[in-house]
Amino acid sequence: MTKRPPLPEGLGDHFGVSLGGTEGVSRSRARASDLESHFRGSRSIRLDRPEANGLTAAQHFEELQNDLIARCNAYLPVAPVDFRFGFVTAARLYRIPIPQALYRRASLDVAVPGTAYPPRMKGVTGHRMTSLPQLELRGGLPILPPEVVWLQLAPLLTLDELIVAGDHLVRRKRPESSMEKLRDVVAAHGAQKGAVRARAAVEEVRPGTDSPKESEMRLVLVRAGLPEPVIGFTVFDATGGWVGTPDLAYVKQRVALDYEGEVHRIDERTFLGDIERREMFADAGWRHIRVTKDHLRSPHRLISRVAPLL
């Protein structure tokens, strides 16, 4: 068996076939099994990927993210001179919460300025914008600003999904954007498709949240006609001691709500901490309601618990 010649140093993990040719990579070498072609004219070093069956949901999500980043990098050698990743592709790079159906879209969304022709290539969906904003890089990838991407999602998402996505961008920890920027982009693109939905959504986006499920929980309560709860209210006991900062709170009625994901069930330390936390709220005179994904799937169950307390 003939030993496969090594690739030239400095060529990188992703390279264009034409550049490889000038560096001495033969056509047969470019077709070798240790390389893969995501796009016509591009080659990438093939990576070993774990079996999806043995992965947790979080690990599977990270593998999807790694695959997307790899495909974006594989596109760079054959990309237009001036472009940005946008729409669903950029939303995923920003980790904006979007429906699973959109995550299954394999095509990369590539935006070019109005003077250029949108790219036409298998695995790529081209978009033409009037102009492109100043170049920003995320992990070395050119990408549209997060608030622009949020507006681009408006035609693809329901009103509540768009609100949850907006909450994510102005979240408490490491926010990607701000309320001012969201409002500005809506005002500047009033005629764009989805702008009416975006104008309605931005009025219900709330800064300071910690998770998409927290946002969904708030919308379930509000859509049922209940008052809007307070985000990030810190509860203290009668002596001034810290009790906790629940996801949502009805302060006057002393009702606290926390969303609990799978870790609250399977991690013993977290589970025991939850018991103590609930007792601390009770001692401070607060009712502490623990909300799960089942409550969000069947909102009437959550409403039937909260409404009588208000």
Protein backbone atom coordinates (compact mmCIF):
# COMPACT_ATOMS: atom_id res chain seq x y z
CA MET A 1 0.00 0.00 0.00
CA THR A 2 1.43 3.38 -1.04
CA LYS A 3 1.98 5.73 1.87
CA ARG A 4 -0.12 8.89 1.62
CA PRO A 5 2.11 12.00 1.26
CA PRO A 6 1.69 14.58 4.04
CA LEU A 7 0.00 17.87 3.28
CA PRO A 8 2.24 20.94 3.02
CA GLU A 9 2.85 22.73 6.30
CA GLY A 10 0.88 25.93 6.70
CA LEU A 11 -1.97 24.80 4.45
CA GLY A 12 -4.31 24.54 7.45
CA ASP A 13 -7.23 22.30 8.31
CA HIS A 14 -9.35 23.89 5.56
CA PHE A 15 -8.01 24.96 2.17
CA GLY A 16 -9.08 25.66 -1.37
CA VAL A 17 -8.25 23.06 -4.02
CA SER A 18 -6.63 25.72 -6.20
CA LEU A 19 -4.35 26.86 -3.36
CA GLY A 20 -3.55 23.24 -2.57
CA GLY A 21 -2.54 22.73 -6.19
CA THR A 22 -0.09 25.61 -6.10
CA GLU A 23 1.36 24.14 -2.90
CA GLY A 24 1.95 20.77 -4.55
CA VAL A 25 -1.22 18.88 -3.55
CA SER A 26 -2.07 16.59 -6.46
CA ARG A 27 -5.62 15.87 -7.60
CA SER A 28 -5.41 12.31 -6.30
CA ARG A 29 -4.14 13.55 -2.93
CA ALA A 30 -7.02 16.03 -2.74
CA ARG A 31 -9.42 13.08 -3.19
CA ALA A 32 -7.83 10.97 -0.42
CA SER A 33 -10.03 9.56 2.34
CA ASP A 34 -8.42 11.66 5.08
CA LEU A 35 -9.93 14.76 3.47
CA GLU A 36 -13.58 15.71 3.03
CA SER A 37 -15.31 18.19 0.78
CA HIS A 38 -18.13 20.24 2.33
CA PHE A 39 -18.20 22.63 -0.64
CA ARG A 40 -17.09 22.53 -4.25
CA GLY A 41 -13.45 23.59 -4.46
CA SER A 42 -12.80 23.22 -0.73
CA ARG A 43 -11.11 20.49 1.30
CA SER A 44 -10.97 19.87 5.04
CA ILE A 45 -9.06 17.39 7.15
CA ARG A 46 -11.53 14.69 8.14
CA LEU A 47 -12.22 14.52 11.87
CA ASP A 48 -13.40 11.58 13.95
CA ARG A 49 -16.86 12.27 15.35
CA PRO A 50 -18.42 10.45 18.32
CA GLU A 51 -21.47 8.25 17.87
CA ALA A 52 -24.61 10.32 18.47
CA ASN A 53 -26.33 7.40 20.24
CA GLY A 54 -24.03 7.61 23.26
CA LEU A 55 -24.31 11.37 23.77
CA THR A 56 -26.40 13.32 26.23
CA ALA A 57 -28.64 16.08 24.91
CA ALA A 58 -26.08 18.71 25.91
CA GLN A 59 -23.23 16.79 24.28
CA HIS A 60 -25.26 16.30 21.12
CA PHE A 61 -25.92 20.05 20.98
CA GLU A 62 -22.19 20.77 21.29
CA GLU A 63 -21.43 18.31 18.49
CA LEU A 64 -23.94 20.12 16.27
CA GLN A 65 -22.22 23.40 17.13
CA ASN A 66 -18.78 21.96 16.36
CA ASP A 67 -20.04 20.63 13.04
CA LEU A 68 -21.49 24.03 12.11
CA ILE A 69 -18.24 25.83 12.97
CA ALA A 70 -16.27 23.28 10.94
CA ARG A 71 -18.53 23.80 7.90
CA CYS A 72 -18.26 27.59 8.22
CA ASN A 73 -14.48 27.35 8.28
CA ALA A 74 -14.55 24.96 5.33
CA TYR A 75 -16.50 27.56 3.36
CA LEU A 76 -13.97 30.37 3.91
CA PRO A 77 -11.51 29.24 1.18
CA VAL A 78 -14.24 29.49 -1.49
CA ALA A 79 -16.26 32.37 -0.02
CA PRO A 80 -16.83 35.77 -1.70
CA VAL A 81 -14.38 38.53 -0.89
CA ASP A 82 -16.96 40.45 1.18
CA PHE A 83 -19.62 38.46 3.02
CA ARG A 84 -21.10 37.75 6.45
CA PHE A 85 -22.74 34.71 7.97
CA GLY A 86 -26.30 35.68 8.89
CA PHE A 87 -29.85 34.45 9.46
CA VAL A 88 -30.11 30.93 10.96
CA THR A 89 -26.38 30.21 10.62
CA ALA A 90 -25.46 33.32 12.62
CA ALA A 91 -28.23 32.62 15.13
CA ARG A 92 -26.68 29.24 15.83
CA LEU A 93 -23.19 30.74 16.11
CA TYR A 94 -24.58 33.19 18.69
CA ARG A 95 -26.39 30.25 20.34
CA ILE A 96 -29.69 32.07 20.08
CA PRO A 97 -32.50 29.65 21.06
CA ILE A 98 -34.42 28.68 17.92
CA PRO A 99 -36.76 25.76 17.12
CA GLN A 100 -35.16 22.37 16.49
CA ALA A 101 -36.51 22.34 12.93
CA LEU A 102 -34.23 25.27 12.08
CA TYR A 103 -31.24 23.51 13.65
CA ARG A 104 -31.66 20.72 11.11
CA ARG A 105 -31.10 23.14 8.23
CA ALA A 106 -27.74 22.12 6.84
CA SER A 107 -27.30 25.02 4.39
CA LEU A 108 -25.12 27.95 5.43
CA ASP A 109 -26.73 31.41 5.24
CA VAL A 110 -24.32 33.79 3.50
CA ALA A 111 -25.08 37.50 3.08
CA VAL A 112 -23.36 39.74 0.50
CA PRO A 113 -23.73 43.48 -0.27
CA GLY A 114 -26.29 44.64 -2.83
CA THR A 115 -23.65 45.17 -5.51
CA ALA A 116 -22.63 41.49 -5.43
CA TYR A 117 -24.35 38.35 -6.66
CA PRO A 118 -25.53 36.03 -3.88
CA PRO A 119 -23.46 32.83 -3.90
CA ARG A 120 -24.97 29.81 -5.61
CA MET A 121 -23.43 26.61 -4.35
CA LYS A 122 -24.68 23.36 -2.89
CA GLY A 123 -24.82 23.71 0.88
CA VAL A 124 -25.08 27.52 0.76
CA THR A 125 -28.11 29.85 0.76
CA GLY A 126 -27.18 33.28 -0.55
CA HIS A 127 -28.78 36.52 0.66
CA ARG A 128 -28.35 40.04 -0.69
CA MET A 129 -28.38 42.99 1.73
CA THR A 130 -28.40 46.68 0.81
CA SER A 131 -25.09 47.03 2.60
CA LEU A 132 -23.04 45.04 5.06
CA PRO A 133 -22.20 46.45 8.50
CA GLN A 134 -18.63 46.86 9.67
CA LEU A 135 -16.76 43.57 9.75
CA GLU A 136 -17.04 41.64 13.02
CA LEU A 137 -15.41 38.30 13.68
CA ARG A 138 -16.61 35.57 16.00
CA GLY A 139 -14.10 32.77 16.35
CA GLY A 140 -12.49 34.05 13.16
CA LEU A 141 -15.78 33.93 11.22
CA PRO A 142 -17.33 37.07 9.68
CA ILE A 143 -20.81 37.46 11.12
CA LEU A 144 -23.64 39.97 11.18
CA PRO A 145 -24.31 41.81 14.48
CA PRO A 146 -26.62 39.86 16.84
CA GLU A 147 -29.46 42.41 16.74
CA VAL A 148 -29.47 42.30 12.92
CA VAL A 149 -29.61 38.51 13.07
CA TRP A 150 -32.52 38.74 15.54
CA LEU A 151 -34.45 40.88 13.06
CA GLN A 152 -33.67 38.43 10.26
CA LEU A 153 -35.22 35.65 12.35
CA ALA A 154 -38.54 37.52 12.70
CA PRO A 155 -40.20 35.95 9.61
CA LEU A 156 -39.10 32.46 10.73
CA LEU A 157 -40.21 32.53 14.37
CA THR A 158 -43.49 32.96 16.19
CA LEU A 159 -43.92 36.09 18.30
CA ASP A 160 -43.12 34.23 21.53
CA GLU A 161 -40.10 32.47 19.98
CA LEU A 162 -38.80 35.87 18.87
CA ILE A 163 -39.27 37.26 22.38
CA VAL A 164 -37.33 34.35 23.88
CA ALA A 165 -34.55 34.92 21.32
CA GLY A 166 -34.47 38.62 22.23
CA ASP A 167 -34.33 37.81 25.95
CA HIS A 168 -31.29 35.64 25.22
CA LEU A 169 -29.44 38.53 23.58
CA VAL A 170 -29.99 40.87 26.56
CA ARG A 171 -29.62 38.20 29.25
CA ARG A 172 -28.02 38.88 32.63
CA LYS A 173 -24.68 37.15 32.06
CA ARG A 174 -22.56 38.06 29.01
CA PRO A 175 -25.34 39.71 26.95
CA GLU A 176 -24.68 39.85 23.22
CA SER A 177 -26.74 43.01 22.66
CA SER A 178 -28.88 45.60 24.45
CA MET A 179 -32.46 46.85 24.44
CA GLU A 180 -31.28 50.06 22.79
CA LYS A 181 -29.68 48.16 19.90
CA LEU A 182 -32.73 45.94 19.42
CA ARG A 183 -35.02 48.98 19.27
CA ASP A 184 -32.64 50.82 16.94
CA VAL A 185 -32.43 47.97 14.43
CA VAL A 186 -36.23 47.63 14.35
CA ALA A 187 -36.63 51.38 13.84
CA ALA A 188 -34.01 51.43 11.08
CA HIS A 189 -35.53 48.54 9.12
CA GLY A 190 -39.25 49.25 9.46
CA ALA A 191 -40.03 47.99 5.96
CA GLN A 192 -38.10 44.71 6.24
CA LYS A 193 -39.99 41.45 6.18
CA GLY A 194 -40.95 40.51 9.73
CA ALA A 195 -40.54 44.07 11.05
CA VAL A 196 -44.13 44.22 12.32
CA ARG A 197 -43.58 41.08 14.41
CA ALA A 198 -40.21 42.42 15.60
CA ARG A 199 -41.80 45.69 16.74
CA ALA A 200 -44.33 43.74 18.77
CA ALA A 201 -41.65 41.40 20.16
CA VAL A 202 -39.20 44.08 21.28
CA GLU A 203 -41.87 45.54 23.57
CA GLU A 204 -42.01 42.23 25.44
CA VAL A 205 -38.29 41.45 25.53
CA ARG A 206 -36.94 41.72 29.07
CA PRO A 207 -33.27 42.10 30.05
CA GLY A 208 -31.69 40.24 32.96
CA THR A 209 -32.97 36.72 32.34
CA ASP A 210 -30.87 33.61 32.90
CA SER A 211 -32.31 31.02 30.50
CA PRO A 212 -34.73 30.54 27.60
CA LYS A 213 -36.94 28.37 29.82
CA GLU A 214 -37.27 31.24 32.26
CA SER A 215 -38.50 33.40 29.37
CA GLU A 216 -40.95 30.71 28.26
CA MET A 217 -42.25 30.45 31.82
CA ARG A 218 -42.86 34.21 31.97
CA LEU A 219 -44.76 34.15 28.68
CA VAL A 220 -46.93 31.23 29.80
CA LEU A 221 -48.01 33.24 32.83
CA VAL A 222 -48.63 36.45 30.92
CA ARG A 223 -50.46 34.75 28.04
CA ALA A 224 -52.84 33.24 30.60
CA GLY A 225 -53.77 36.74 31.73
CA LEU A 226 -51.75 36.76 34.95
CA PRO A 227 -49.71 39.84 35.95
CA GLU A 228 -46.17 39.98 34.63
CA PRO A 229 -43.74 38.68 37.29
CA VAL A 230 -40.58 40.48 38.31
CA ILE A 231 -37.23 39.24 36.97
CA GLY A 232 -34.21 39.11 39.26
CA PHE A 233 -35.88 40.09 42.54
CA THR A 234 -33.74 39.12 45.54
CA VAL A 235 -35.55 37.76 48.59
CA PHE A 236 -34.29 38.45 52.12
CA ASP A 237 -35.62 37.08 55.39
CA ALA A 238 -36.82 39.10 58.39
CA THR A 239 -33.26 39.50 59.70
CA GLY A 240 -31.95 40.74 56.37
CA GLY A 241 -30.34 37.43 55.49
CA TRP A 242 -30.13 36.44 51.83
CA VAL A 243 -32.65 33.77 50.81
CA GLY A 244 -32.31 33.68 47.03
CA THR A 245 -32.98 35.29 43.68
CA PRO A 246 -35.69 33.24 41.97
CA ASP A 247 -36.18 33.30 38.22
CA LEU A 248 -39.51 35.10 38.61
CA ALA A 249 -41.33 36.64 41.54
CA TYR A 250 -44.68 38.08 42.44
CA VAL A 251 -43.36 40.36 45.14
CA LYS A 252 -46.60 41.61 46.71
CA GLN A 253 -48.00 38.07 46.97
CA ARG A 254 -44.59 36.64 48.02
CA VAL A 255 -44.59 33.94 45.36
CA ALA A 256 -41.28 32.77 43.82
CA LEU A 257 -40.89 30.60 40.72
CA ASP A 258 -37.80 28.72 39.57
CA TYR A 259 -37.40 26.62 36.43
CA GLU A 260 -35.63 23.33 37.11
CA GLY A 261 -33.92 21.42 34.33
CA GLU A 262 -32.69 17.84 34.33
CA VAL A 263 -29.68 18.62 36.53
CA HIS A 264 -32.03 19.37 39.44
CA ARG A 265 -33.31 15.80 39.20
CA ILE A 266 -30.20 13.74 38.45
CA ASP A 267 -27.52 15.61 40.45
CA GLU A 268 -27.78 14.70 44.14
CA ARG A 269 -26.00 17.82 45.40
CA THR A 270 -28.33 20.07 43.38
CA PHE A 271 -31.37 18.09 44.51
CA LEU A 272 -30.45 18.44 48.19
CA GLY A 273 -29.73 22.13 47.70
CA ASP A 274 -33.20 22.59 46.18
CA ILE A 275 -34.81 21.12 49.32
CA GLU A 276 -32.92 23.54 51.57
CA ARG A 277 -33.70 26.43 49.21
CA ARG A 278 -37.42 25.72 49.34
CA GLU A 279 -37.34 25.58 53.14
CA MET A 280 -35.51 28.92 53.25
CA PHE A 281 -38.21 30.55 51.13
CA ALA A 282 -40.90 29.04 53.37
CA ASP A 283 -39.17 30.33 56.50
CA ALA A 284 -39.10 33.81 54.95
CA GLY A 285 -42.84 33.64 54.31
CA TRP A 286 -42.61 32.96 50.57
CA ARG A 287 -44.29 30.24 48.50
CA HIS A 288 -41.64 28.63 46.25
CA ILE A 289 -42.92 26.96 43.07
CA ARG A 290 -40.60 24.66 41.16
CA VAL A 291 -41.43 24.56 37.44
CA THR A 292 -40.44 21.76 35.05
CA LYS A 293 -40.65 21.21 31.30
CA ASP A 294 -43.94 19.36 31.82
CA HIS A 295 -45.49 22.58 33.14
CA LEU A 296 -44.43 24.39 29.97
CA ARG A 297 -45.83 21.61 27.79
CA SER A 298 -49.13 21.72 29.69
CA PRO A 299 -49.42 25.37 30.78
CA HIS A 300 -52.76 24.85 32.52
CA ARG A 301 -50.93 22.86 35.22
CA LEU A 302 -48.70 25.81 36.01
CA ILE A 303 -51.52 28.34 35.85
CA SER A 304 -53.68 26.25 38.20
CA ARG A 305 -50.89 26.39 40.80
CA VAL A 306 -50.02 30.07 40.47
CA ALA A 307 -53.37 31.79 39.86
CA PRO A 308 -54.94 30.93 43.28
CA LEU A 309 -51.88 32.36 45.03
CA LEU A 310 -52.37 35.74 43.35
